[in-house]
Amino acid sequence: MANSADELKEKYAQGYRCICEEATGDNVTLHLKNFEKEKIHKITTNKKMEIGEIADFLDSVDVEKKLHGDDTICTQNESNLGWPNL
């Protein structure tokens, strides 16, 4: 079974974004959505190390948003969208 933090990073690279976080007991569940493809994905873990890695990754996404106004982290497909380079 893959590490949940690695799975989250892979999903971000595929265009998914975290839309909701839930904590129930020791379990943490992240609800992800790919807005381009209108698909959803759920990641659940109860492993403390993975939860810490996930929190660190999501914090880095927040920093990216604050610095650049967008969460361009892990997205390599911007040039494929037809947007001009600004």
Protein backbone atom coordinates (compact mmCIF):
# COMPACT_ATOMS: atom_id res chain seq x y z
CA MET A 1 0.00 0.00 0.00
CA ALA A 2 1.32 3.44 -0.95
CA ASN A 3 2.12 6.13 1.57
CA SER A 4 -0.88 8.47 1.88
CA ALA A 5 1.36 11.56 1.73
CA ASP A 6 2.89 10.35 -1.54
CA GLU A 7 -0.59 9.60 -2.86
CA LEU A 8 -1.66 13.16 -2.00
CA LYS A 9 1.35 14.63 -3.81
CA GLU A 10 0.62 12.47 -6.85
CA LYS A 11 -3.01 13.57 -6.88
CA TYR A 12 -1.92 17.24 -6.65
CA ALA A 13 0.36 16.65 -9.64
CA GLN A 14 -2.69 15.26 -11.48
CA GLY A 15 -4.65 18.45 -10.74
CA TYR A 16 -6.61 17.41 -7.65
CA ARG A 17 -6.99 19.91 -4.79
CA CYS A 18 -7.97 19.36 -1.17
CA ILE A 19 -11.49 20.66 -0.63
CA CYS A 20 -12.18 19.26 2.84
CA GLU A 21 -10.29 17.72 5.76
CA GLU A 22 -11.94 15.57 8.43
CA ALA A 23 -10.50 14.11 11.62
CA THR A 24 -12.38 11.37 13.44
CA GLY A 25 -10.54 9.76 16.30
CA ASP A 26 -7.12 8.78 14.96
CA ASN A 27 -8.27 8.85 11.32
CA VAL A 28 -7.71 11.79 8.99
CA THR A 29 -9.63 11.92 5.73
CA LEU A 30 -8.89 14.30 2.88
CA HIS A 31 -11.44 14.93 0.17
CA LEU A 32 -9.84 15.92 -3.11
CA LYS A 33 -11.37 17.23 -6.31
CA ASN A 34 -10.05 17.63 -9.82
CA PHE A 35 -12.06 20.59 -11.09
CA GLU A 36 -11.00 20.13 -14.72
CA LYS A 37 -12.18 16.53 -14.91
CA GLU A 38 -14.93 16.85 -12.26
CA LYS A 39 -13.57 13.82 -10.38
CA ILE A 40 -13.24 13.30 -6.64
CA HIS A 41 -10.86 11.19 -4.59
CA LYS A 42 -10.60 10.38 -0.89
CA ILE A 43 -7.48 9.62 1.14
CA THR A 44 -7.72 8.24 4.69
CA THR A 45 -4.93 7.40 7.09
CA ASN A 46 -4.40 6.87 10.80
CA LYS A 47 -0.59 6.75 10.68
CA LYS A 48 0.94 9.63 12.65
CA MET A 49 3.99 10.01 10.38
CA GLU A 50 1.81 10.18 7.25
CA ILE A 51 -0.52 12.70 8.92
CA GLY A 52 2.53 14.86 9.70
CA GLU A 53 3.80 14.60 6.11
CA ILE A 54 0.34 15.50 4.79
CA ALA A 55 0.12 18.51 7.12
CA ASP A 56 3.58 19.68 6.00
CA PHE A 57 2.63 19.33 2.33
CA LEU A 58 -0.67 21.20 2.75
CA ASP A 59 1.19 23.93 4.68
CA SER A 60 3.60 24.29 1.75
CA VAL A 61 0.60 24.66 -0.58
CA ASP A 62 -0.74 27.44 1.67
CA VAL A 63 2.64 29.21 1.56
CA GLU A 64 2.62 28.93 -2.24
CA LYS A 65 -0.86 30.49 -2.37
CA LYS A 66 0.24 33.38 -0.16
CA LEU A 67 3.38 34.03 -2.20
CA HIS A 68 1.93 33.66 -5.69
CA GLY A 69 -1.83 33.92 -5.31
CA ASP A 70 -2.22 30.40 -6.64
CA ASP A 71 -1.27 26.90 -5.60
CA THR A 72 1.03 26.27 -8.52
CA ILE A 73 2.83 23.63 -6.49
CA CYS A 74 3.01 20.28 -8.28
CA THR A 75 1.27 21.51 -11.40
CA GLN A 76 3.25 21.13 -14.58
CA ASN A 77 0.37 21.46 -17.03
CA GLU A 78 -0.12 25.24 -16.99
CA SER A 79 1.38 25.56 -20.48
CA ASN A 80 -1.09 22.98 -21.78
CA LEU A 81 -4.07 25.13 -20.80
CA GLY A 82 -3.48 27.67 -23.54
CA TRP A 83 -2.82 30.52 -21.13
CA PRO A 84 -0.23 33.08 -22.15
CA ASN A 85 2.93 33.21 -20.09
CA LEU A 86 2.61 36.27 -17.87
